[in-house]
Amino acid sequence: MLFILFFPIIISFLIGLYLLITQQKIGVSKRVLGVFFLFFSFALFAISLNFIRSFLEPIEQVFPYVELLFYPVMLSLPVLVFLYIRSLVYNIKERIGKEYFVHFFIPIQSFFLILFLF
C-alpha cells in the first residue's frame, strides 16, 4: 500500500529532476516546470506523511519540520503555474529576472511567519 501511496511522489520528483537537469532549448519554461514538479512532489510527500503519522510514531517527531515548508510550497505552486504559462505565451528566452520574485512575496512571508511561530 505504501508503494501505491508514494508512486506519484517518486514520478513527479523524477520528472522535476529530469526537467531541471536536461539542457533547455525553449527558454525557462522547462526549468519552471521542473521546479513546479519538485514542489508538487514535496507537497504530496507532506500530505502522505500527515496520513502515515497516525500509524507510525517516529514520523510524529519529524512532521513539524516538514510542515514548516509545506505552506510556503503550497502557496508558491500557483505562482509557478503563472510563470510557466507566462514563459510559454511570451516565449521568454532569457532567465527570470528580479521582477518575477515579487510574485513569491506571499509564500516567503508565510515561511517567515511559520518560522517565527515555530
C-alpha atoms as a PDB file:
ATOM      1  CA  MET A   1       0.000   0.000   0.000  1.00  0.00           C
ATOM      2  CA  LEU A   2       2.837   2.409   0.748  1.00  0.00           C
ATOM      3  CA  PHE A   3       4.244   1.887  -2.733  1.00  0.00           C
ATOM      4  CA  ILE A   4       0.935   2.949  -4.261  1.00  0.00           C
ATOM      5  CA  LEU A   5       0.917   5.986  -1.993  1.00  0.00           C
ATOM      6  CA  PHE A   6       4.480   7.041  -2.822  1.00  0.00           C
ATOM      7  CA  PHE A   7       4.423   6.210  -6.553  1.00  0.00           C
ATOM      8  CA  PRO A   8       3.094   9.647  -7.702  1.00  0.00           C
ATOM      9  CA  ILE A   9       5.614  11.343  -5.416  1.00  0.00           C
ATOM     10  CA  ILE A  10       8.522   9.449  -6.952  1.00  0.00           C
ATOM     11  CA  ILE A  11       7.301  10.038 -10.503  1.00  0.00           C
ATOM     12  CA  SER A  12       6.807  13.791 -10.025  1.00  0.00           C
ATOM     13  CA  PHE A  13      10.195  14.076  -8.301  1.00  0.00           C
ATOM     14  CA  LEU A  14      11.923  12.272 -11.187  1.00  0.00           C
ATOM     15  CA  ILE A  15      10.147  14.406 -13.793  1.00  0.00           C
ATOM     16  CA  GLY A  16      11.166  17.550 -11.923  1.00  0.00           C
ATOM     17  CA  LEU A  17      14.801  16.449 -11.742  1.00  0.00           C
ATOM     18  CA  TYR A  18      14.801  15.473 -15.410  1.00  0.00           C
ATOM     19  CA  LEU A  19      13.439  18.853 -16.473  1.00  0.00           C
ATOM     20  CA  LEU A  20      15.993  20.697 -14.347  1.00  0.00           C
ATOM     21  CA  ILE A  21      18.990  18.630 -15.433  1.00  0.00           C
ATOM     22  CA  THR A  22      18.383  18.464 -19.185  1.00  0.00           C
ATOM     23  CA  GLN A  23      19.556  21.244 -21.459  1.00  0.00           C
ATOM     24  CA  GLN A  24      16.860  23.821 -22.068  1.00  0.00           C
ATOM     25  CA  LYS A  25      16.140  24.828 -25.655  1.00  0.00           C
ATOM     26  CA  ILE A  26      12.853  26.683 -25.307  1.00  0.00           C
ATOM     27  CA  GLY A  27      13.785  29.214 -22.648  1.00  0.00           C
ATOM     28  CA  VAL A  28      12.981  28.975 -18.990  1.00  0.00           C
ATOM     29  CA  SER A  29       9.708  27.079 -19.309  1.00  0.00           C
ATOM     30  CA  LYS A  30      11.359  23.686 -18.732  1.00  0.00           C
ATOM     31  CA  ARG A  31      13.125  24.953 -15.648  1.00  0.00           C
ATOM     32  CA  VAL A  32       9.961  26.500 -14.176  1.00  0.00           C
ATOM     33  CA  LEU A  33       8.041  23.303 -14.866  1.00  0.00           C
ATOM     34  CA  GLY A  34      10.812  21.284 -13.214  1.00  0.00           C
ATOM     35  CA  VAL A  35      10.645  23.432 -10.080  1.00  0.00           C
ATOM     36  CA  PHE A  36       6.849  23.071 -10.127  1.00  0.00           C
ATOM     37  CA  PHE A  37       7.113  19.271 -10.194  1.00  0.00           C
ATOM     38  CA  LEU A  38       9.682  19.278  -7.376  1.00  0.00           C
ATOM     39  CA  PHE A  39       7.448  21.483  -5.235  1.00  0.00           C
ATOM     40  CA  PHE A  40       4.440  19.345  -6.134  1.00  0.00           C
ATOM     41  CA  SER A  41       6.287  16.169  -5.109  1.00  0.00           C
ATOM     42  CA  PHE A  42       7.200  17.785  -1.787  1.00  0.00           C
ATOM     43  CA  ALA A  43       3.560  18.755  -1.217  1.00  0.00           C
ATOM     44  CA  LEU A  44       2.429  15.194  -1.961  1.00  0.00           C
ATOM     45  CA  PHE A  45       5.119  13.868   0.362  1.00  0.00           C
ATOM     46  CA  ALA A  46       3.955  16.138   3.186  1.00  0.00           C
ATOM     47  CA  ILE A  47       0.332  15.112   2.682  1.00  0.00           C
ATOM     48  CA  SER A  48       1.280  11.428   2.726  1.00  0.00           C
ATOM     49  CA  LEU A  49       3.351  11.934   5.891  1.00  0.00           C
ATOM     50  CA  ASN A  50       0.308  13.505   7.508  1.00  0.00           C
ATOM     51  CA  PHE A  51      -1.641  10.363   6.612  1.00  0.00           C
ATOM     52  CA  ILE A  52       1.070   7.967   7.792  1.00  0.00           C
ATOM     53  CA  ARG A  53       1.923   9.727  11.055  1.00  0.00           C
ATOM     54  CA  SER A  54      -1.157   8.302  12.730  1.00  0.00           C
ATOM     55  CA  PHE A  55       0.261   4.804  12.144  1.00  0.00           C
ATOM     56  CA  LEU A  56       3.962   5.385  12.848  1.00  0.00           C
ATOM     57  CA  GLU A  57       5.087   7.228  15.949  1.00  0.00           C
ATOM     58  CA  PRO A  58       8.613   8.331  14.795  1.00  0.00           C
ATOM     59  CA  ILE A  59       7.098  10.370  11.968  1.00  0.00           C
ATOM     60  CA  GLU A  60       5.289  12.440  14.586  1.00  0.00           C
ATOM     61  CA  GLN A  61       8.651  13.928  15.597  1.00  0.00           C
ATOM     62  CA  VAL A  62       9.715  14.763  12.015  1.00  0.00           C
ATOM     63  CA  PHE A  63       6.411  16.145  10.772  1.00  0.00           C
ATOM     64  CA  PRO A  64       6.704  19.674  12.278  1.00  0.00           C
ATOM     65  CA  TYR A  65       9.852  20.242  10.205  1.00  0.00           C
ATOM     66  CA  VAL A  66       8.075  19.120   7.041  1.00  0.00           C
ATOM     67  CA  GLU A  67       5.100  21.291   7.934  1.00  0.00           C
ATOM     68  CA  LEU A  68       7.457  24.258   8.171  1.00  0.00           C
ATOM     69  CA  LEU A  69       7.912  24.176   4.381  1.00  0.00           C
ATOM     70  CA  PHE A  70       4.521  22.786   3.407  1.00  0.00           C
ATOM     71  CA  TYR A  71       2.508  26.014   3.395  1.00  0.00           C
ATOM     72  CA  PRO A  72       5.073  28.152   1.539  1.00  0.00           C
ATOM     73  CA  VAL A  73       5.440  25.403  -1.065  1.00  0.00           C
ATOM     74  CA  MET A  74       1.668  25.139  -1.485  1.00  0.00           C
ATOM     75  CA  LEU A  75       1.383  28.922  -1.839  1.00  0.00           C
ATOM     76  CA  SER A  76       4.126  29.029  -4.459  1.00  0.00           C
ATOM     77  CA  LEU A  77       2.524  26.394  -6.731  1.00  0.00           C
ATOM     78  CA  PRO A  78       0.031  28.847  -8.343  1.00  0.00           C
ATOM     79  CA  VAL A  79       2.848  31.347  -8.817  1.00  0.00           C
ATOM     80  CA  LEU A  80       4.907  28.719 -10.623  1.00  0.00           C
ATOM     81  CA  VAL A  81       1.938  27.878 -12.843  1.00  0.00           C
ATOM     82  CA  PHE A  82       1.605  31.581 -13.670  1.00  0.00           C
ATOM     83  CA  LEU A  83       5.303  31.856 -14.501  1.00  0.00           C
ATOM     84  CA  TYR A  84       5.158  28.707 -16.630  1.00  0.00           C
ATOM     85  CA  ILE A  85       2.186  29.982 -18.647  1.00  0.00           C
ATOM     86  CA  ARG A  86       3.829  33.383 -18.992  1.00  0.00           C
ATOM     87  CA  SER A  87       7.042  31.791 -20.258  1.00  0.00           C
ATOM     88  CA  LEU A  88       5.057  29.834 -22.852  1.00  0.00           C
ATOM     89  CA  VAL A  89       2.900  32.736 -24.011  1.00  0.00           C
ATOM     90  CA  TYR A  90       5.600  35.387 -24.184  1.00  0.00           C
ATOM     91  CA  ASN A  91       8.354  32.917 -25.137  1.00  0.00           C
ATOM     92  CA  ILE A  92      10.848  34.203 -22.611  1.00  0.00           C
ATOM     93  CA  LYS A  93      14.318  33.229 -23.821  1.00  0.00           C
ATOM     94  CA  GLU A  94      16.306  34.841 -21.029  1.00  0.00           C
ATOM     95  CA  ARG A  95      16.283  33.860 -17.388  1.00  0.00           C
ATOM     96  CA  ILE A  96      13.620  35.018 -14.986  1.00  0.00           C
ATOM     97  CA  GLY A  97      14.632  38.364 -13.551  1.00  0.00           C
ATOM     98  CA  LYS A  98      14.056  40.150 -10.286  1.00  0.00           C
ATOM     99  CA  GLU A  99      10.667  41.467 -11.353  1.00  0.00           C
ATOM    100  CA  TYR A 100       9.195  37.962 -11.052  1.00  0.00           C
ATOM    101  CA  PHE A 101      10.288  37.460  -7.451  1.00  0.00           C
ATOM    102  CA  VAL A 102       7.577  39.912  -6.372  1.00  0.00           C
ATOM    103  CA  HIS A 103       5.067  37.134  -7.026  1.00  0.00           C
ATOM    104  CA  PHE A 104       6.742  34.998  -4.354  1.00  0.00           C
ATOM    105  CA  PHE A 105       6.153  37.612  -1.639  1.00  0.00           C
ATOM    106  CA  ILE A 106       3.230  35.768  -0.002  1.00  0.00           C
ATOM    107  CA  PRO A 107       4.982  32.360   0.145  1.00  0.00           C
ATOM    108  CA  ILE A 108       8.136  33.969   1.576  1.00  0.00           C
ATOM    109  CA  GLN A 109       6.060  35.937   4.065  1.00  0.00           C
ATOM    110  CA  SER A 110       4.234  32.789   5.167  1.00  0.00           C
ATOM    111  CA  PHE A 111       7.563  30.981   5.577  1.00  0.00           C
ATOM    112  CA  PHE A 112       8.884  33.679   7.892  1.00  0.00           C
ATOM    113  CA  LEU A 113       5.623  33.771   9.839  1.00  0.00           C
ATOM    114  CA  ILE A 114       5.694  29.996  10.349  1.00  0.00           C
ATOM    115  CA  LEU A 115       9.374  30.179  11.249  1.00  0.00           C
ATOM    116  CA  PHE A 116       8.627  32.899  13.800  1.00  0.00           C
ATOM    117  CA  LEU A 117       5.821  30.846  15.334  1.00  0.00           C
ATOM    118  CA  PHE A 118       7.896  27.662  15.274  1.00  0.00           C
END
